[in-house]
Amino acid sequence: MIDDFLHRLREVTTRLHDADLFETDTIVVTAGGSCFFDQVADALTRPWKPGMNVLPVLRSGCYIAHDDGFYRWMSPFSREGDTERKLRPALHAWGRVTSMPEPGLALITAGKRDLSFDAWLPEPQAVRRDDGTTHELRDCVVDAVNDQHAFIRLAPGNDIRVGDWVRLGLAFPCTAFDKWQLIPVTRGEMVVDFVRTFF
């Protein structure tokens, strides 16, 4: 399906060129490709008809942040089983545990106003204590979010306490950026910069 679309894109571009409908010497041909950047790059950079001066542009929006859901398993690297070049997510959210109202349930201070949730709910990944120690969470899921909170179902053996911070992987970065006007950039444990967003 992707290859068919790209074939039609090349075909239409060539027809427009042959009909002398471009008002520029350089023809910009562009396509998205966060999931299929390998196919898009291949299709747009193949030789064009002689006389066509084509500038290919790959619009692969999720290359900046990647994610912990859709793009993690749709990436060409994941499809090919390539573990060495596997993209790593650069965007996480943190919420603090404010309540554990029943066994196996933790409520944290991050909800629909803070997290992307339209593709998949966030993925609980790690817990950080006040003393700075961090440990991985296993087999835990966010099964609901409301405006202010996420509800984490805890698998047995996961040690979470009120006051802990929980790192959440975000399943779709695009709808995370529009919730934050100022995003901290970290290097290790230190905030080194801020990125301002404009949505």
C-alpha atoms as a PDB file:
ATOM      1  CA  MET A   1       0.000   0.000   0.000  1.00  0.00           C
ATOM      2  CA  ILE A   2       2.788   2.467   0.905  1.00  0.00           C
ATOM      3  CA  ASP A   3       4.780   1.531  -2.184  1.00  0.00           C
ATOM      4  CA  ASP A   4       1.662   1.986  -4.341  1.00  0.00           C
ATOM      5  CA  PHE A   5       1.110   5.468  -2.933  1.00  0.00           C
ATOM      6  CA  LEU A   6       4.734   6.427  -3.522  1.00  0.00           C
ATOM      7  CA  HIS A   7       4.589   5.080  -7.082  1.00  0.00           C
ATOM      8  CA  ARG A   8       1.508   7.242  -7.771  1.00  0.00           C
ATOM      9  CA  LEU A   9       3.236  10.262  -6.206  1.00  0.00           C
ATOM     10  CA  ARG A  10       6.180   9.870  -8.589  1.00  0.00           C
ATOM     11  CA  GLU A  11       3.834   9.319 -11.522  1.00  0.00           C
ATOM     12  CA  VAL A  12       1.744  12.451 -10.808  1.00  0.00           C
ATOM     13  CA  THR A  13       4.886  14.545 -10.315  1.00  0.00           C
ATOM     14  CA  THR A  14       6.254  13.417 -13.670  1.00  0.00           C
ATOM     15  CA  ARG A  15       2.939  14.156 -15.429  1.00  0.00           C
ATOM     16  CA  LEU A  16       2.809  17.644 -13.949  1.00  0.00           C
ATOM     17  CA  HIS A  17       6.385  18.246 -15.098  1.00  0.00           C
ATOM     18  CA  ASP A  18       5.624  16.968 -18.615  1.00  0.00           C
ATOM     19  CA  ALA A  19       2.597  19.287 -18.787  1.00  0.00           C
ATOM     20  CA  ASP A  20       4.860  22.198 -17.752  1.00  0.00           C
ATOM     21  CA  LEU A  21       2.660  23.007 -14.752  1.00  0.00           C
ATOM     22  CA  PHE A  22       5.417  23.709 -12.240  1.00  0.00           C
ATOM     23  CA  GLU A  23       6.299  27.388 -11.829  1.00  0.00           C
ATOM     24  CA  THR A  24       9.734  26.686 -10.405  1.00  0.00           C
ATOM     25  CA  ASP A  25      12.964  25.113 -11.561  1.00  0.00           C
ATOM     26  CA  THR A  26      13.193  22.924  -8.450  1.00  0.00           C
ATOM     27  CA  ILE A  27      10.319  20.539  -7.779  1.00  0.00           C
ATOM     28  CA  VAL A  28       9.873  19.757  -4.096  1.00  0.00           C
ATOM     29  CA  VAL A  29       8.416  16.277  -3.601  1.00  0.00           C
ATOM     30  CA  THR A  30       7.609  15.434  -0.007  1.00  0.00           C
ATOM     31  CA  ALA A  31       5.932  12.656   1.957  1.00  0.00           C
ATOM     32  CA  GLY A  32       5.509  11.695   5.592  1.00  0.00           C
ATOM     33  CA  GLY A  33       7.226   8.648   6.904  1.00  0.00           C
ATOM     34  CA  SER A  34       7.646   8.159  10.635  1.00  0.00           C
ATOM     35  CA  CYS A  35       6.731   4.495  10.211  1.00  0.00           C
ATOM     36  CA  PHE A  36       7.936   4.026   6.651  1.00  0.00           C
ATOM     37  CA  PHE A  37      10.881   6.371   6.297  1.00  0.00           C
ATOM     38  CA  ASP A  38      12.941   3.654   4.634  1.00  0.00           C
ATOM     39  CA  GLN A  39      10.380   3.201   1.841  1.00  0.00           C
ATOM     40  CA  VAL A  40       9.775   6.944   1.431  1.00  0.00           C
ATOM     41  CA  ALA A  41      13.492   7.750   1.279  1.00  0.00           C
ATOM     42  CA  ASP A  42      14.064   4.987  -1.260  1.00  0.00           C
ATOM     43  CA  ALA A  43      11.162   6.057  -3.496  1.00  0.00           C
ATOM     44  CA  LEU A  44      11.900   9.782  -3.483  1.00  0.00           C
ATOM     45  CA  THR A  45      15.654   9.507  -4.048  1.00  0.00           C
ATOM     46  CA  ARG A  46      15.556   7.086  -6.994  1.00  0.00           C
ATOM     47  CA  PRO A  47      16.559   8.741 -10.296  1.00  0.00           C
ATOM     48  CA  TRP A  48      13.881  10.927 -11.838  1.00  0.00           C
ATOM     49  CA  LYS A  49      13.208  11.539 -15.509  1.00  0.00           C
ATOM     50  CA  PRO A  50      16.054  13.468 -17.206  1.00  0.00           C
ATOM     51  CA  GLY A  51      15.459  17.192 -16.989  1.00  0.00           C
ATOM     52  CA  MET A  52      13.546  16.993 -13.704  1.00  0.00           C
ATOM     53  CA  ASN A  53      15.295  18.817 -10.868  1.00  0.00           C
ATOM     54  CA  VAL A  54      13.642  17.183  -7.830  1.00  0.00           C
ATOM     55  CA  LEU A  55      14.341  18.004  -4.189  1.00  0.00           C
ATOM     56  CA  PRO A  56      13.006  15.122  -2.046  1.00  0.00           C
ATOM     57  CA  VAL A  57      11.889  15.988   1.500  1.00  0.00           C
ATOM     58  CA  LEU A  58      11.118  13.323   4.083  1.00  0.00           C
ATOM     59  CA  ARG A  59       8.617  14.536   6.718  1.00  0.00           C
ATOM     60  CA  SER A  60       9.287  12.023   9.456  1.00  0.00           C
ATOM     61  CA  GLY A  61       7.852  13.883  12.435  1.00  0.00           C
ATOM     62  CA  CYS A  62       8.415  11.331  15.186  1.00  0.00           C
ATOM     63  CA  TYR A  63      12.152  11.022  14.632  1.00  0.00           C
ATOM     64  CA  ILE A  64      12.735  13.679  17.310  1.00  0.00           C
ATOM     65  CA  ALA A  65      11.000  11.992  20.224  1.00  0.00           C
ATOM     66  CA  HIS A  66      10.039   8.521  19.006  1.00  0.00           C
ATOM     67  CA  ASP A  67       7.711   6.848  21.539  1.00  0.00           C
ATOM     68  CA  ASP A  68       6.915   3.850  23.721  1.00  0.00           C
ATOM     69  CA  GLY A  69       4.080   2.444  21.658  1.00  0.00           C
ATOM     70  CA  PHE A  70       3.044   2.814  18.055  1.00  0.00           C
ATOM     71  CA  TYR A  71       6.349   3.955  16.557  1.00  0.00           C
ATOM     72  CA  ARG A  72       8.350   1.588  18.717  1.00  0.00           C
ATOM     73  CA  TRP A  73       6.821  -1.430  16.996  1.00  0.00           C
ATOM     74  CA  MET A  74       6.130   0.173  13.589  1.00  0.00           C
ATOM     75  CA  SER A  75       9.685   1.426  13.019  1.00  0.00           C
ATOM     76  CA  PRO A  76      11.506  -0.241  10.114  1.00  0.00           C
ATOM     77  CA  PHE A  77      14.167  -1.252  12.640  1.00  0.00           C
ATOM     78  CA  SER A  78      11.591  -3.123  14.704  1.00  0.00           C
ATOM     79  CA  ARG A  79      10.020  -4.702  11.628  1.00  0.00           C
ATOM     80  CA  GLU A  80      13.430  -5.974  10.523  1.00  0.00           C
ATOM     81  CA  GLY A  81      14.382  -7.207  14.001  1.00  0.00           C
ATOM     82  CA  ASP A  82      17.288  -4.754  14.089  1.00  0.00           C
ATOM     83  CA  THR A  83      18.160  -4.302  17.766  1.00  0.00           C
ATOM     84  CA  GLU A  84      21.420  -2.369  17.341  1.00  0.00           C
ATOM     85  CA  ARG A  85      19.858   0.527  15.442  1.00  0.00           C
ATOM     86  CA  LYS A  86      16.591   0.455  17.401  1.00  0.00           C
ATOM     87  CA  LEU A  87      15.245   3.955  18.069  1.00  0.00           C
ATOM     88  CA  ARG A  88      14.984   4.973  21.715  1.00  0.00           C
ATOM     89  CA  PRO A  89      12.192   7.211  23.018  1.00  0.00           C
ATOM     90  CA  ALA A  90      13.342  10.646  24.109  1.00  0.00           C
ATOM     91  CA  LEU A  91      10.111  11.741  25.754  1.00  0.00           C
ATOM     92  CA  HIS A  92       8.742  10.531  29.080  1.00  0.00           C
ATOM     93  CA  ALA A  93       6.311  11.889  31.647  1.00  0.00           C
ATOM     94  CA  TRP A  94       6.556  11.606  35.428  1.00  0.00           C
ATOM     95  CA  GLY A  95       3.728  11.467  37.940  1.00  0.00           C
ATOM     96  CA  ARG A  96       3.787  11.201  41.715  1.00  0.00           C
ATOM     97  CA  VAL A  97       1.914   8.485  43.588  1.00  0.00           C
ATOM     98  CA  THR A  98      -0.694  10.274  45.703  1.00  0.00           C
ATOM     99  CA  SER A  99      -2.889   7.384  46.755  1.00  0.00           C
ATOM    100  CA  MET A 100      -3.034   3.606  46.936  1.00  0.00           C
ATOM    101  CA  PRO A 101      -6.732   3.140  47.714  1.00  0.00           C
ATOM    102  CA  GLU A 102      -6.735  -0.650  47.362  1.00  0.00           C
ATOM    103  CA  PRO A 103      -4.236  -3.472  46.864  1.00  0.00           C
ATOM    104  CA  GLY A 104      -2.828  -3.461  43.357  1.00  0.00           C
ATOM    105  CA  LEU A 105      -3.881   0.099  42.494  1.00  0.00           C
ATOM    106  CA  ALA A 106      -1.825   3.313  42.517  1.00  0.00           C
ATOM    107  CA  LEU A 107      -3.095   6.768  41.543  1.00  0.00           C
ATOM    108  CA  ILE A 108      -0.550   9.247  40.186  1.00  0.00           C
ATOM    109  CA  THR A 109      -0.636  12.974  39.505  1.00  0.00           C
ATOM    110  CA  ALA A 110      -0.795  12.875  35.711  1.00  0.00           C
ATOM    111  CA  GLY A 111      -3.949  12.647  33.651  1.00  0.00           C
ATOM    112  CA  LYS A 112      -5.545  13.681  30.374  1.00  0.00           C
ATOM    113  CA  ARG A 113      -4.291  17.248  30.780  1.00  0.00           C
ATOM    114  CA  ASP A 114      -0.695  16.003  30.952  1.00  0.00           C
ATOM    115  CA  LEU A 115      -0.428  12.790  28.927  1.00  0.00           C
ATOM    116  CA  SER A 116      -1.073  11.615  25.404  1.00  0.00           C
ATOM    117  CA  PHE A 117      -3.730   8.923  25.537  1.00  0.00           C
ATOM    118  CA  ASP A 118      -5.467   8.892  22.143  1.00  0.00           C
ATOM    119  CA  ALA A 119      -3.471   5.989  20.668  1.00  0.00           C
ATOM    120  CA  TRP A 120      -2.609   3.956  23.770  1.00  0.00           C
ATOM    121  CA  LEU A 121      -2.543   4.728  27.445  1.00  0.00           C
ATOM    122  CA  PRO A 122       0.878   5.557  28.941  1.00  0.00           C
ATOM    123  CA  GLU A 123       3.203   2.722  29.912  1.00  0.00           C
ATOM    124  CA  PRO A 124       4.464   2.575  33.542  1.00  0.00           C
ATOM    125  CA  GLN A 125       8.192   1.869  33.313  1.00  0.00           C
ATOM    126  CA  ALA A 126      10.050   2.774  36.488  1.00  0.00           C
ATOM    127  CA  VAL A 127       9.713   4.084  40.036  1.00  0.00           C
ATOM    128  CA  ARG A 128      11.949   6.691  41.630  1.00  0.00           C
ATOM    129  CA  ARG A 129      12.175   7.110  45.403  1.00  0.00           C
ATOM    130  CA  ASP A 130      12.838  10.404  47.201  1.00  0.00           C
ATOM    131  CA  ASP A 131      16.406   9.240  47.851  1.00  0.00           C
ATOM    132  CA  GLY A 132      17.020   9.057  44.069  1.00  0.00           C
ATOM    133  CA  THR A 133      17.070   5.275  43.732  1.00  0.00           C
ATOM    134  CA  THR A 134      15.181   3.922  40.739  1.00  0.00           C
ATOM    135  CA  HIS A 135      13.854   0.476  39.935  1.00  0.00           C
ATOM    136  CA  GLU A 136      12.010  -0.959  36.976  1.00  0.00           C
ATOM    137  CA  LEU A 137       8.283  -1.692  36.960  1.00  0.00           C
ATOM    138  CA  ARG A 138       7.199  -4.967  35.417  1.00  0.00           C
ATOM    139  CA  ASP A 139       3.823  -5.977  34.006  1.00  0.00           C
ATOM    140  CA  CYS A 140       2.027  -2.880  35.310  1.00  0.00           C
ATOM    141  CA  VAL A 141      -0.520  -1.018  33.189  1.00  0.00           C
ATOM    142  CA  VAL A 142      -2.366   2.268  33.209  1.00  0.00           C
ATOM    143  CA  ASP A 143      -5.944   1.141  32.762  1.00  0.00           C
ATOM    144  CA  ALA A 144      -7.662   4.542  33.034  1.00  0.00           C
ATOM    145  CA  VAL A 145      -6.984   8.276  33.097  1.00  0.00           C
ATOM    146  CA  ASN A 146      -9.165  11.162  34.172  1.00  0.00           C
ATOM    147  CA  ASP A 147      -8.364  14.885  33.967  1.00  0.00           C
ATOM    148  CA  GLN A 148      -5.806  14.874  36.782  1.00  0.00           C
ATOM    149  CA  HIS A 149      -4.839  11.256  37.497  1.00  0.00           C
ATOM    150  CA  ALA A 150      -3.714   7.986  35.960  1.00  0.00           C
ATOM    151  CA  PHE A 151      -4.760   4.660  37.507  1.00  0.00           C
ATOM    152  CA  ILE A 152      -1.962   2.092  37.534  1.00  0.00           C
ATOM    153  CA  ARG A 153      -2.782  -1.587  38.016  1.00  0.00           C
ATOM    154  CA  LEU A 154       0.172  -3.190  39.750  1.00  0.00           C
ATOM    155  CA  ALA A 155       1.360  -6.710  39.097  1.00  0.00           C
ATOM    156  CA  PRO A 156       2.464  -8.645  42.200  1.00  0.00           C
ATOM    157  CA  GLY A 157       6.022  -7.965  43.314  1.00  0.00           C
ATOM    158  CA  ASN A 158       6.163  -4.316  42.253  1.00  0.00           C
ATOM    159  CA  ASP A 159       7.088  -2.072  45.165  1.00  0.00           C
ATOM    160  CA  ILE A 160       5.343   1.298  44.859  1.00  0.00           C
ATOM    161  CA  ARG A 161       4.650   3.675  47.739  1.00  0.00           C
ATOM    162  CA  VAL A 162       2.812   6.956  48.193  1.00  0.00           C
ATOM    163  CA  GLY A 163       5.288   9.733  47.396  1.00  0.00           C
ATOM    164  CA  ASP A 164       7.195   7.757  44.738  1.00  0.00           C
ATOM    165  CA  TRP A 165       7.610   9.136  41.227  1.00  0.00           C
ATOM    166  CA  VAL A 166       6.560   6.913  38.313  1.00  0.00           C
ATOM    167  CA  ARG A 167       8.100   7.288  34.848  1.00  0.00           C
ATOM    168  CA  LEU A 168       5.592   6.825  32.054  1.00  0.00           C
ATOM    169  CA  GLY A 169       6.376   5.968  28.462  1.00  0.00           C
ATOM    170  CA  LEU A 170       4.131   7.869  26.060  1.00  0.00           C
ATOM    171  CA  ALA A 171       2.534   5.927  23.240  1.00  0.00           C
ATOM    172  CA  PHE A 172       2.128   8.779  20.759  1.00  0.00           C
ATOM    173  CA  PRO A 173       4.446  11.802  20.971  1.00  0.00           C
ATOM    174  CA  CYS A 174       2.499  14.136  18.690  1.00  0.00           C
ATOM    175  CA  THR A 175      -0.330  14.645  21.170  1.00  0.00           C
ATOM    176  CA  ALA A 176       2.113  14.954  24.069  1.00  0.00           C
ATOM    177  CA  PHE A 177       3.843  18.043  22.671  1.00  0.00           C
ATOM    178  CA  ASP A 178       0.669  20.115  22.494  1.00  0.00           C
ATOM    179  CA  LYS A 179       0.054  19.649  26.237  1.00  0.00           C
ATOM    180  CA  TRP A 180       3.355  21.178  27.316  1.00  0.00           C
ATOM    181  CA  GLN A 181       4.454  24.721  26.414  1.00  0.00           C
ATOM    182  CA  LEU A 182       7.843  24.217  28.044  1.00  0.00           C
ATOM    183  CA  ILE A 183       9.499  20.789  27.930  1.00  0.00           C
ATOM    184  CA  PRO A 184      12.603  20.160  30.071  1.00  0.00           C
ATOM    185  CA  VAL A 185      15.572  18.528  28.367  1.00  0.00           C
ATOM    186  CA  THR A 186      17.622  16.263  30.620  1.00  0.00           C
ATOM    187  CA  ARG A 187      21.082  14.772  30.507  1.00  0.00           C
ATOM    188  CA  GLY A 188      21.140  11.961  33.025  1.00  0.00           C
ATOM    189  CA  GLU A 189      19.517  13.376  36.153  1.00  0.00           C
ATOM    190  CA  MET A 190      20.150  17.026  35.292  1.00  0.00           C
ATOM    191  CA  VAL A 191      17.881  19.463  33.428  1.00  0.00           C
ATOM    192  CA  VAL A 192      20.135  21.126  30.847  1.00  0.00           C
ATOM    193  CA  ASP A 193      17.691  23.035  28.664  1.00  0.00           C
ATOM    194  CA  PHE A 194      14.050  23.762  27.878  1.00  0.00           C
ATOM    195  CA  VAL A 195      12.206  23.469  24.570  1.00  0.00           C
ATOM    196  CA  ARG A 196       9.296  25.850  23.988  1.00  0.00           C
ATOM    197  CA  THR A 197       6.435  24.501  21.887  1.00  0.00           C
ATOM    198  CA  PHE A 198       3.964  26.516  19.831  1.00  0.00           C
ATOM    199  CA  PHE A 199       0.585  24.876  19.256  1.00  0.00           C
END
